[in-house]
Amino acid sequence: MEHLETHERMQMWENIQQALVNEQIDQFRAEFLELHPYDQAKIFEEQEEDIRFLIYTYLSPEEMAEVMEHVDRDLVSEFISEMVPAFAAKIFEEMATDDAVDILNELEKNKVASFLTIMEKEASDEIKQLLHYEEKTAGSIMTTEFVVIHHEMTVKEAMRHLRKAAPDAETIYYIYVVDSYKKLVGVISLRDLIIAEGDWIIYDVMNERVVSVPVGEGQEDIAQMMRDYDFLALPVVDFQDHLLGIITVDDIMDVMEEEASDDYSKLAGISDVERFGDTAVHAAKKRLPWLIALLFLGMFTASIISRFETALDQVALLAAFIPVIAGMAGNTGTQALAVAVRSISTGDMDKIGKASVIWQEAKTGVITGTTCGVLITIIVAFWYGEIYLGILVGISIMATLIVATIAGAFVPLVMHRFNIDPAVASGPFITTLNDIISMLIYFGLATAFMNLLIGGG
């Protein structure tokens, strides 16, 4: 069944809830389990604790596992804590190992230890194996539920093994081939395996040019690789090429969403991903470090303006254009920043080079700066009847946009060079930095133009 719209879920839930509260278990199970797990999860999230308890009662751990795999990660900890521990442990056993690890990473360490203790040893060992890998690496997002065959098997033997292993595997579109030392030596697609003759040896039909990633590889680089190669899955190996697990495309989609959300929060000047459900105090704690730093930078901007009080006293109209110049500098700097951060995150930076990015942005700055500068010169000259003031503002806008564009591209590149996340060169930071630059340019030129401005006035 396709995903339901909100109003459809509400209508469907009314029928399911009626069966639930009336203890019509068979009817509830028939209607609820007919839904896609995503819709089951969305309906489940919207319920009060007493209704959720009934759902726990009427569903098996295996059925509940499918629901929990689609529940919002921010709500998982709350739901797990209200379950009977033995029931929750069974759910983790039934889930895909990588999904179970993702949820356990959201819980307190003492709770994780408790669940691992009461789980069956085989499932517990698999989860422990993934838990010790560093977060946001291949090891932390891979799954150990995949199909592997030996290179000396015949196609017929491999098909027999595939039928047995497929029900527990996360994907069977790629079958990975290992040698006697469990080293990854090849891959064969399900299609090629099906059309091969039964007595052929796997070694003769597999593809030896298999792309893999080290277990410590960062998840951003993995996402980039899977996007470039259009893979549905990617094998993970240790330093000796032993096959440890695979990363599937659905996991990478989650990674891409997580990274995009993280970068967006940093571009907005938030130290960590802030969600709507955060308390006001929690949200304030995340925002204050940036805001306080920007406050001091803003005071520096104010001190620059105060140093040019004489110029403002002599030509009061100069003050009218401060917001225009500062705003334009902030806008163009943020645009250049977004382009630079994106080129780094997508890997385009490595292809075209840092110098090319800066040169491209510099040319863009010259074009936009010149266009806006000429336009504002004409407007000020006709609107205020001040030709010299118009030229001053026009030159200031042109110079500011060129410098701000270069700065917006240059700052994240420098940060990337020193292995600092370029997204922390956030919009507010670049805006404030460019405010300082624009004021220095504007008032520096105003001082040089002062005689003409006074004479023209």
Protein backbone atom coordinates (compact mmCIF):
# COMPACT_ATOMS: atom_id res chain seq x y z
CA MET A 1 0.00 0.00 0.00
CA GLU A 2 1.23 3.50 -0.85
CA HIS A 3 2.01 6.02 1.87
CA LEU A 4 -1.13 7.67 3.18
CA GLU A 5 -1.84 11.38 3.40
CA THR A 6 -2.42 12.75 6.93
CA HIS A 7 -6.22 12.88 6.58
CA GLU A 8 -6.25 9.34 5.16
CA ARG A 9 -4.19 8.11 8.12
CA MET A 10 -6.62 9.76 10.51
CA GLN A 11 -9.61 8.10 8.83
CA MET A 12 -7.85 4.74 8.74
CA TRP A 13 -6.80 5.12 12.37
CA GLU A 14 -10.39 5.76 13.52
CA ASN A 15 -11.34 2.32 12.25
CA ILE A 16 -8.22 0.68 13.71
CA GLN A 17 -8.61 2.44 17.06
CA GLN A 18 -12.21 1.35 17.35
CA ALA A 19 -11.16 -2.27 16.92
CA LEU A 20 -8.29 -1.73 19.36
CA VAL A 21 -10.28 -0.25 22.26
CA ASN A 22 -13.05 -2.80 21.75
CA GLU A 23 -10.42 -5.56 22.07
CA GLN A 24 -11.22 -6.85 18.59
CA ILE A 25 -7.66 -8.06 18.22
CA ASP A 26 -8.07 -9.93 14.94
CA GLN A 27 -9.72 -6.95 13.24
CA PHE A 28 -7.06 -4.57 14.58
CA ARG A 29 -4.22 -6.78 13.38
CA ALA A 30 -5.81 -7.34 9.96
CA GLU A 31 -6.27 -3.60 9.30
CA PHE A 32 -3.06 -2.33 10.94
CA LEU A 33 -0.73 -4.90 9.37
CA GLU A 34 -2.19 -4.21 5.93
CA LEU A 35 -0.60 -0.75 6.05
CA HIS A 36 2.93 0.02 4.87
CA PRO A 37 5.36 0.06 7.86
CA TYR A 38 5.93 3.79 7.28
CA ASP A 39 2.22 4.51 7.75
CA GLN A 40 2.10 2.16 10.74
CA ALA A 41 4.93 4.20 12.30
CA LYS A 42 3.27 7.57 11.60
CA ILE A 43 0.00 6.38 13.15
CA PHE A 44 1.88 4.89 16.10
CA GLU A 45 3.79 8.14 16.76
CA GLU A 46 0.54 10.12 17.06
CA GLN A 47 -0.94 7.99 19.85
CA GLU A 48 -1.01 8.51 23.60
CA GLU A 49 0.93 6.13 25.85
CA ASP A 50 -2.11 4.06 26.87
CA ILE A 51 -2.97 3.38 23.20
CA ARG A 52 0.66 2.58 22.39
CA PHE A 53 0.63 0.07 25.24
CA LEU A 54 -2.30 -1.75 23.61
CA ILE A 55 -0.38 -1.85 20.33
CA TYR A 56 2.62 -3.38 22.13
CA THR A 57 0.25 -5.97 23.58
CA TYR A 58 -1.36 -6.98 20.28
CA LEU A 59 1.74 -7.02 18.05
CA SER A 60 4.64 -9.47 18.15
CA PRO A 61 8.24 -8.24 18.56
CA GLU A 62 8.87 -9.06 14.89
CA GLU A 63 5.87 -6.95 13.78
CA MET A 64 6.81 -4.15 16.17
CA ALA A 65 10.37 -4.17 14.84
CA GLU A 66 9.14 -3.11 11.39
CA VAL A 67 7.25 -0.23 12.95
CA MET A 68 10.23 0.94 15.03
CA GLU A 69 12.51 0.94 11.98
CA HIS A 70 10.38 3.75 10.53
CA VAL A 71 9.74 5.75 13.71
CA ASP A 72 11.33 9.22 14.00
CA ARG A 73 14.72 8.79 15.71
CA ASP A 74 13.92 11.64 18.12
CA LEU A 75 10.99 9.64 19.54
CA VAL A 76 12.61 6.22 19.72
CA SER A 77 14.17 6.66 23.16
CA GLU A 78 10.81 7.60 24.69
CA PHE A 79 9.00 4.64 23.13
CA ILE A 80 11.67 2.11 24.07
CA SER A 81 11.70 3.30 27.70
CA GLU A 82 7.97 2.67 28.11
CA MET A 83 8.19 -0.94 26.90
CA VAL A 84 8.81 -3.99 29.04
CA PRO A 85 12.63 -4.47 28.70
CA ALA A 86 12.33 -8.10 27.57
CA PHE A 87 9.89 -7.07 24.81
CA ALA A 88 12.17 -4.22 23.70
CA ALA A 89 15.16 -6.59 23.62
CA LYS A 90 13.19 -8.97 21.37
CA ILE A 91 12.43 -6.08 19.03
CA PHE A 92 16.15 -5.33 18.70
CA GLU A 93 16.78 -8.99 17.90
CA GLU A 94 14.24 -8.89 15.07
CA MET A 95 15.43 -5.61 13.56
CA ALA A 96 18.10 -5.25 10.90
CA THR A 97 21.36 -5.03 12.82
CA ASP A 98 22.31 -1.58 11.52
CA ASP A 99 18.87 -0.18 12.39
CA ALA A 100 19.08 -1.67 15.89
CA VAL A 101 22.49 -0.07 16.34
CA ASP A 102 21.18 3.31 15.17
CA ILE A 103 18.44 3.18 17.83
CA LEU A 104 20.73 1.91 20.59
CA ASN A 105 23.11 4.78 19.90
CA GLU A 106 20.28 7.12 20.91
CA LEU A 107 19.91 5.48 24.35
CA GLU A 108 21.87 5.85 27.57
CA LYS A 109 24.82 3.46 27.87
CA ASN A 110 23.45 1.68 30.93
CA LYS A 111 20.21 0.93 29.06
CA VAL A 112 22.15 -0.37 26.08
CA ALA A 113 24.17 -2.68 28.33
CA SER A 114 20.95 -3.94 29.94
CA PHE A 115 19.33 -4.76 26.60
CA LEU A 116 22.45 -6.51 25.30
CA THR A 117 22.54 -8.66 28.43
CA ILE A 118 19.00 -10.02 28.00
CA MET A 119 19.19 -10.45 24.22
CA GLU A 120 20.08 -13.78 22.60
CA LYS A 121 23.83 -14.15 22.30
CA GLU A 122 24.02 -14.29 18.51
CA ALA A 123 22.04 -11.06 18.02
CA SER A 124 23.85 -9.40 20.92
CA ASP A 125 27.27 -10.26 19.48
CA GLU A 126 26.35 -8.84 16.05
CA ILE A 127 25.14 -5.59 17.59
CA LYS A 128 28.19 -5.28 19.86
CA GLN A 129 30.41 -5.72 16.81
CA LEU A 130 28.87 -2.63 15.17
CA LEU A 131 28.52 -0.56 18.33
CA HIS A 132 32.27 -0.27 18.85
CA TYR A 133 32.84 1.45 15.50
CA GLU A 134 33.21 5.20 15.53
CA GLU A 135 30.06 7.14 14.65
CA LYS A 136 29.60 8.39 11.09
CA THR A 137 31.99 5.80 9.65
CA ALA A 138 31.32 2.83 7.36
CA GLY A 139 31.42 0.46 10.32
CA SER A 140 28.68 2.33 12.17
CA ILE A 141 26.19 2.34 9.26
CA MET A 142 26.90 -1.03 7.64
CA THR A 143 24.73 -4.12 8.06
CA THR A 144 26.02 -7.65 8.59
CA GLU A 145 22.92 -9.21 7.01
CA PHE A 146 23.97 -9.94 3.45
CA VAL A 147 24.60 -12.90 1.15
CA VAL A 148 28.16 -14.12 0.65
CA ILE A 149 29.31 -17.09 -1.42
CA HIS A 150 32.62 -18.89 -1.93
CA HIS A 151 34.51 -18.41 -5.18
CA GLU A 152 34.87 -22.20 -5.71
CA MET A 153 31.10 -22.87 -5.54
CA THR A 154 29.18 -23.81 -8.65
CA VAL A 155 26.32 -21.59 -9.73
CA LYS A 156 23.88 -24.32 -8.67
CA GLU A 157 25.41 -24.47 -5.17
CA ALA A 158 25.37 -20.68 -4.94
CA MET A 159 21.67 -20.56 -5.88
CA ARG A 160 20.88 -23.16 -3.24
CA HIS A 161 22.76 -21.12 -0.64
CA LEU A 162 21.05 -17.92 -1.80
CA ARG A 163 17.59 -19.40 -1.27
CA LYS A 164 18.50 -20.26 2.32
CA ALA A 165 20.19 -16.94 3.15
CA ALA A 166 17.89 -14.54 1.28
CA PRO A 167 15.10 -14.28 3.92
CA ASP A 168 17.53 -12.79 6.46
CA ALA A 169 19.50 -10.61 4.03
CA GLU A 170 18.85 -6.89 3.67
CA THR A 171 19.43 -7.07 -0.09
CA ILE A 172 20.20 -9.81 -2.61
CA TYR A 173 20.73 -7.72 -5.74
CA TYR A 174 24.49 -8.04 -5.24
CA ILE A 175 26.08 -11.28 -4.01
CA TYR A 176 29.61 -10.90 -2.72
CA VAL A 177 32.30 -13.51 -3.28
CA VAL A 178 35.04 -14.42 -0.81
CA ASP A 179 37.98 -16.80 -0.85
CA SER A 180 39.00 -19.36 1.79
CA TYR A 181 40.44 -16.55 3.96
CA LYS A 182 37.13 -14.62 3.85
CA LYS A 183 38.74 -11.93 1.72
CA LEU A 184 36.52 -10.10 -0.75
CA VAL A 185 37.52 -11.23 -4.24
CA GLY A 186 34.51 -10.43 -6.40
CA VAL A 187 30.83 -9.64 -6.83
CA ILE A 188 28.06 -11.05 -8.97
CA SER A 189 24.64 -9.56 -9.59
CA LEU A 190 21.51 -11.58 -9.00
CA ARG A 191 20.68 -11.24 -12.70
CA ASP A 192 24.04 -12.70 -13.80
CA LEU A 193 23.72 -15.52 -11.28
CA ILE A 194 20.25 -16.48 -12.55
CA ILE A 195 21.23 -16.62 -16.22
CA ALA A 196 24.51 -18.53 -15.63
CA GLU A 197 24.71 -22.27 -16.26
CA GLY A 198 24.35 -24.41 -13.14
CA ASP A 199 27.71 -26.18 -13.46
CA TRP A 200 29.75 -23.01 -14.00
CA ILE A 201 32.19 -22.01 -11.26
CA ILE A 202 31.51 -18.70 -9.50
CA TYR A 203 35.13 -17.61 -9.96
CA ASP A 204 34.63 -17.74 -13.75
CA VAL A 205 31.45 -15.63 -13.82
CA MET A 206 32.04 -13.10 -11.01
CA ASN A 207 33.29 -9.57 -11.52
CA GLU A 208 36.72 -9.21 -9.93
CA ARG A 209 36.67 -5.41 -10.15
CA VAL A 210 34.66 -4.88 -7.00
CA VAL A 211 34.54 -1.44 -5.38
CA SER A 212 34.70 -1.46 -1.58
CA VAL A 213 35.28 0.96 1.30
CA PRO A 214 37.44 0.66 4.45
CA VAL A 215 35.54 0.20 7.69
CA GLY A 216 36.79 3.57 8.97
CA GLU A 217 35.73 5.56 5.89
CA GLY A 218 33.60 8.65 6.61
CA GLN A 219 29.92 8.45 5.75
CA GLU A 220 29.99 11.62 3.61
CA ASP A 221 32.65 10.11 1.32
CA ILE A 222 30.65 6.88 1.11
CA ALA A 223 27.51 8.78 0.13
CA GLN A 224 29.50 10.54 -2.59
CA MET A 225 30.86 7.23 -3.89
CA MET A 226 27.44 5.57 -4.01
CA ARG A 227 26.04 8.58 -5.83
CA ASP A 228 28.87 8.55 -8.39
CA TYR A 229 28.69 4.81 -9.08
CA ASP A 230 24.88 4.43 -8.72
CA PHE A 231 25.36 1.46 -6.38
CA LEU A 232 22.50 -0.16 -4.50
CA ALA A 233 24.99 -1.53 -1.98
CA LEU A 234 28.66 -1.17 -1.14
CA PRO A 235 30.86 -3.75 0.64
CA VAL A 236 32.88 -2.76 3.73
CA VAL A 237 36.28 -4.35 4.36
CA ASP A 238 39.07 -4.21 6.93
CA PHE A 239 42.72 -3.41 6.17
CA GLN A 240 43.27 -6.99 4.91
CA ASP A 241 40.20 -6.92 2.62
CA HIS A 242 38.14 -9.22 4.85
CA LEU A 243 34.46 -8.64 4.11
CA LEU A 244 32.79 -7.17 7.23
CA GLY A 245 29.44 -5.91 6.00
CA ILE A 246 27.60 -3.91 3.37
CA ILE A 247 26.08 -0.44 3.20
CA THR A 248 22.74 -0.24 1.39
CA VAL A 249 21.26 2.70 -0.49
CA ASP A 250 18.48 3.24 2.07
CA ASP A 251 21.11 3.79 4.78
CA ILE A 252 22.92 6.27 2.55
CA MET A 253 19.69 8.21 1.99
CA ASP A 254 19.43 8.60 5.77
CA VAL A 255 23.06 9.74 5.87
CA MET A 256 22.49 12.34 3.15
CA GLU A 257 19.47 13.71 5.01
CA GLU A 258 21.45 13.82 8.26
CA GLU A 259 24.42 15.59 6.64
CA ALA A 260 22.20 18.08 4.82
CA SER A 261 20.36 18.87 8.05
CA ASP A 262 23.65 19.23 9.92
CA ASP A 263 25.14 21.55 7.29
CA TYR A 264 21.97 23.63 7.19
CA SER A 265 22.03 24.11 10.95
CA LYS A 266 25.65 25.27 10.81
CA LEU A 267 24.95 27.64 7.94
CA ALA A 268 22.25 29.15 10.14
CA GLY A 269 24.74 29.61 12.97
CA ILE A 270 23.53 26.76 15.18
CA SER A 271 26.18 24.55 16.76
CA ASP A 272 24.09 21.40 16.61
CA VAL A 273 20.96 20.31 14.77
CA GLU A 274 18.07 22.05 16.48
CA ARG A 275 14.63 20.54 16.24
CA PHE A 276 11.19 22.00 16.76
CA GLY A 277 10.61 19.82 19.83
CA ASP A 278 13.60 21.28 21.71
CA THR A 279 12.78 23.29 24.83
CA ALA A 280 13.40 27.04 24.75
CA VAL A 281 16.34 26.69 27.15
CA HIS A 282 17.89 23.86 25.09
CA ALA A 283 17.46 25.83 21.85
CA ALA A 284 18.95 28.95 23.46
CA LYS A 285 22.02 27.01 24.63
CA LYS A 286 22.68 25.93 21.04
CA ARG A 287 22.28 29.43 19.61
CA LEU A 288 24.00 31.55 22.26
CA PRO A 289 27.68 30.67 21.51
CA TRP A 290 27.33 31.92 17.93
CA LEU A 291 25.18 34.89 18.87
CA ILE A 292 27.62 36.06 21.57
CA ALA A 293 30.57 35.75 19.18
CA LEU A 294 28.64 37.66 16.51
CA LEU A 295 27.67 40.29 19.10
CA PHE A 296 31.33 41.12 19.71
CA LEU A 297 32.00 41.22 15.97
CA GLY A 298 29.01 43.53 15.62
CA MET A 299 30.48 45.82 18.27
CA PHE A 300 33.64 45.99 16.17
CA THR A 301 31.51 47.11 13.21
CA ALA A 302 29.92 49.78 15.42
CA SER A 303 33.37 51.00 16.50
CA ILE A 304 34.37 51.40 12.85
CA ILE A 305 31.34 53.59 12.19
CA SER A 306 32.05 55.65 15.32
CA ARG A 307 35.54 56.42 14.03
CA PHE A 308 33.97 58.20 11.05
CA GLU A 309 31.65 60.46 13.03
CA THR A 310 33.24 63.52 11.46
CA ALA A 311 32.40 62.32 7.97
CA LEU A 312 28.82 61.58 9.04
CA ASP A 313 28.49 65.01 10.67
CA GLN A 314 29.67 66.74 7.52
CA VAL A 315 27.56 64.64 5.10
CA ALA A 316 24.63 63.18 7.05
CA LEU A 317 23.25 61.47 3.95
CA LEU A 318 26.12 58.98 4.12
CA ALA A 319 24.29 57.17 6.94
CA ALA A 320 21.31 56.40 4.70
CA PHE A 321 23.35 53.98 2.60
CA ILE A 322 24.99 52.00 5.42
CA PRO A 323 22.18 49.35 5.52
CA VAL A 324 22.22 49.03 1.72
CA ILE A 325 25.96 48.42 1.46
CA ALA A 326 26.15 46.14 4.50
CA GLY A 327 23.10 44.15 3.38
CA MET A 328 24.45 43.65 -0.15
CA ALA A 329 27.81 42.51 1.25
CA GLY A 330 26.14 39.98 3.53
CA ASN A 331 23.88 38.64 0.78
CA THR A 332 26.58 38.13 -1.83
CA GLY A 333 28.97 36.65 0.74
CA THR A 334 26.36 34.10 1.83
CA GLN A 335 25.68 33.15 -1.81
CA ALA A 336 29.38 32.54 -2.44
CA LEU A 337 29.63 30.61 0.83
CA ALA A 338 26.78 28.31 -0.21
CA VAL A 339 28.46 27.58 -3.56
CA ALA A 340 31.82 26.84 -1.91
CA VAL A 341 30.37 24.59 0.81
CA ARG A 342 28.33 22.68 -1.76
CA SER A 343 31.35 22.19 -4.05
CA ILE A 344 33.28 20.77 -1.10
CA SER A 345 30.48 18.47 0.09
CA THR A 346 29.75 17.09 -3.41
CA GLY A 347 33.42 16.54 -4.26
CA ASP A 348 33.38 19.03 -7.15
CA MET A 349 36.14 20.95 -5.38
CA ASP A 350 38.59 18.09 -5.90
CA LYS A 351 37.75 17.96 -9.61
CA ILE A 352 38.03 21.66 -10.48
CA GLY A 353 40.47 22.87 -7.81
CA LYS A 354 40.30 25.57 -5.13
CA ALA A 355 41.88 28.25 -7.31
CA SER A 356 39.23 27.71 -9.99
CA VAL A 357 36.44 28.13 -7.45
CA ILE A 358 37.89 31.40 -6.10
CA TRP A 359 38.57 32.72 -9.63
CA GLN A 360 35.03 31.85 -10.71
CA GLU A 361 33.56 33.65 -7.71
CA ALA A 362 35.88 36.64 -8.25
CA LYS A 363 34.62 37.00 -11.84
CA THR A 364 31.05 36.68 -10.62
CA GLY A 365 31.75 39.36 -8.01
CA VAL A 366 33.13 41.73 -10.66
CA ILE A 367 30.04 41.30 -12.87
CA THR A 368 27.48 41.63 -10.06
CA GLY A 369 29.45 44.40 -8.34
CA THR A 370 29.82 46.48 -11.51
CA THR A 371 26.15 46.04 -12.44
CA CYS A 372 24.86 46.98 -8.98
CA GLY A 373 27.41 49.80 -8.66
CA VAL A 374 26.38 51.47 -11.94
CA LEU A 375 22.70 51.03 -11.09
CA ILE A 376 22.97 52.58 -7.60
CA THR A 377 25.08 55.46 -8.99
CA ILE A 378 22.33 56.38 -11.46
CA ILE A 379 19.59 56.03 -8.81
CA VAL A 380 21.36 58.22 -6.22
CA ALA A 381 22.35 60.84 -8.80
CA PHE A 382 18.77 61.28 -10.04
CA TRP A 383 16.90 60.63 -6.78
CA TYR A 384 19.02 62.81 -4.49
CA GLY A 385 20.64 65.03 -7.10
CA GLU A 386 24.07 64.13 -5.69
CA ILE A 387 26.34 62.92 -8.47
CA TYR A 388 29.46 62.58 -6.30
CA LEU A 389 27.54 60.75 -3.58
CA GLY A 390 26.15 58.43 -6.25
CA ILE A 391 29.66 57.70 -7.53
CA LEU A 392 30.88 57.08 -3.96
CA VAL A 393 28.05 54.64 -3.18
CA GLY A 394 28.43 52.96 -6.59
CA ILE A 395 32.17 52.38 -6.19
CA SER A 396 31.61 51.19 -2.61
CA ILE A 397 28.96 48.69 -3.71
CA MET A 398 31.18 47.44 -6.55
CA ALA A 399 34.28 47.01 -4.36
CA THR A 400 32.26 45.53 -1.50
CA LEU A 401 30.54 42.92 -3.66
CA ILE A 402 33.82 41.83 -5.24
CA VAL A 403 35.61 41.49 -1.89
CA ALA A 404 32.58 39.92 -0.13
CA THR A 405 32.14 37.32 -2.89
CA ILE A 406 35.80 36.32 -2.71
CA ALA A 407 35.67 36.21 1.10
CA GLY A 408 32.51 34.07 1.03
CA ALA A 409 34.29 31.50 -1.14
CA PHE A 410 37.73 31.78 0.46
CA VAL A 411 36.82 31.31 4.15
CA PRO A 412 35.27 27.80 3.81
CA LEU A 413 38.13 26.71 1.55
CA VAL A 414 40.67 27.72 4.21
CA MET A 415 38.69 25.90 6.88
CA HIS A 416 38.52 22.80 4.69
CA ARG A 417 42.29 22.99 4.18
CA PHE A 418 42.80 22.79 7.97
CA ASN A 419 40.29 19.93 8.34
CA ILE A 420 37.63 22.16 9.93
CA ASP A 421 34.04 21.55 8.84
CA PRO A 422 33.49 24.31 6.20
CA ALA A 423 29.82 24.56 7.14
CA VAL A 424 30.83 26.31 10.37
CA ALA A 425 31.75 29.28 8.17
CA SER A 426 28.08 30.01 8.66
CA GLY A 427 25.87 32.62 7.05
CA PRO A 428 25.78 34.86 10.16
CA PHE A 429 29.59 34.74 10.48
CA ILE A 430 30.18 35.65 6.84
CA THR A 431 27.52 38.36 7.03
CA THR A 432 29.13 40.00 10.06
CA LEU A 433 32.62 39.69 8.57
CA ASN A 434 31.44 41.34 5.38
CA ASP A 435 29.74 44.10 7.39
CA ILE A 436 33.18 45.01 8.74
CA ILE A 437 34.77 44.88 5.28
CA SER A 438 31.98 46.93 3.69
CA MET A 439 32.12 49.66 6.34
CA LEU A 440 35.90 49.97 5.99
CA ILE A 441 35.55 50.30 2.22
CA TYR A 442 32.59 52.72 2.37
CA PHE A 443 33.96 55.11 4.96
CA GLY A 444 37.49 54.87 3.63
CA LEU A 445 36.23 56.06 0.22
CA ALA A 446 33.95 58.63 1.87
CA THR A 447 36.95 60.19 3.57
CA ALA A 448 38.78 60.37 0.24
CA PHE A 449 35.68 61.87 -1.45
CA MET A 450 34.94 64.29 1.39
CA ASN A 451 36.01 67.51 -0.38
CA LEU A 452 33.93 66.63 -3.46
CA LEU A 453 30.92 65.64 -1.32
CA ILE A 454 30.98 68.90 0.67
CA GLY A 455 31.63 70.96 -2.43
CA GLY A 456 28.89 69.15 -4.34
CA GLY A 457 26.45 69.62 -1.45
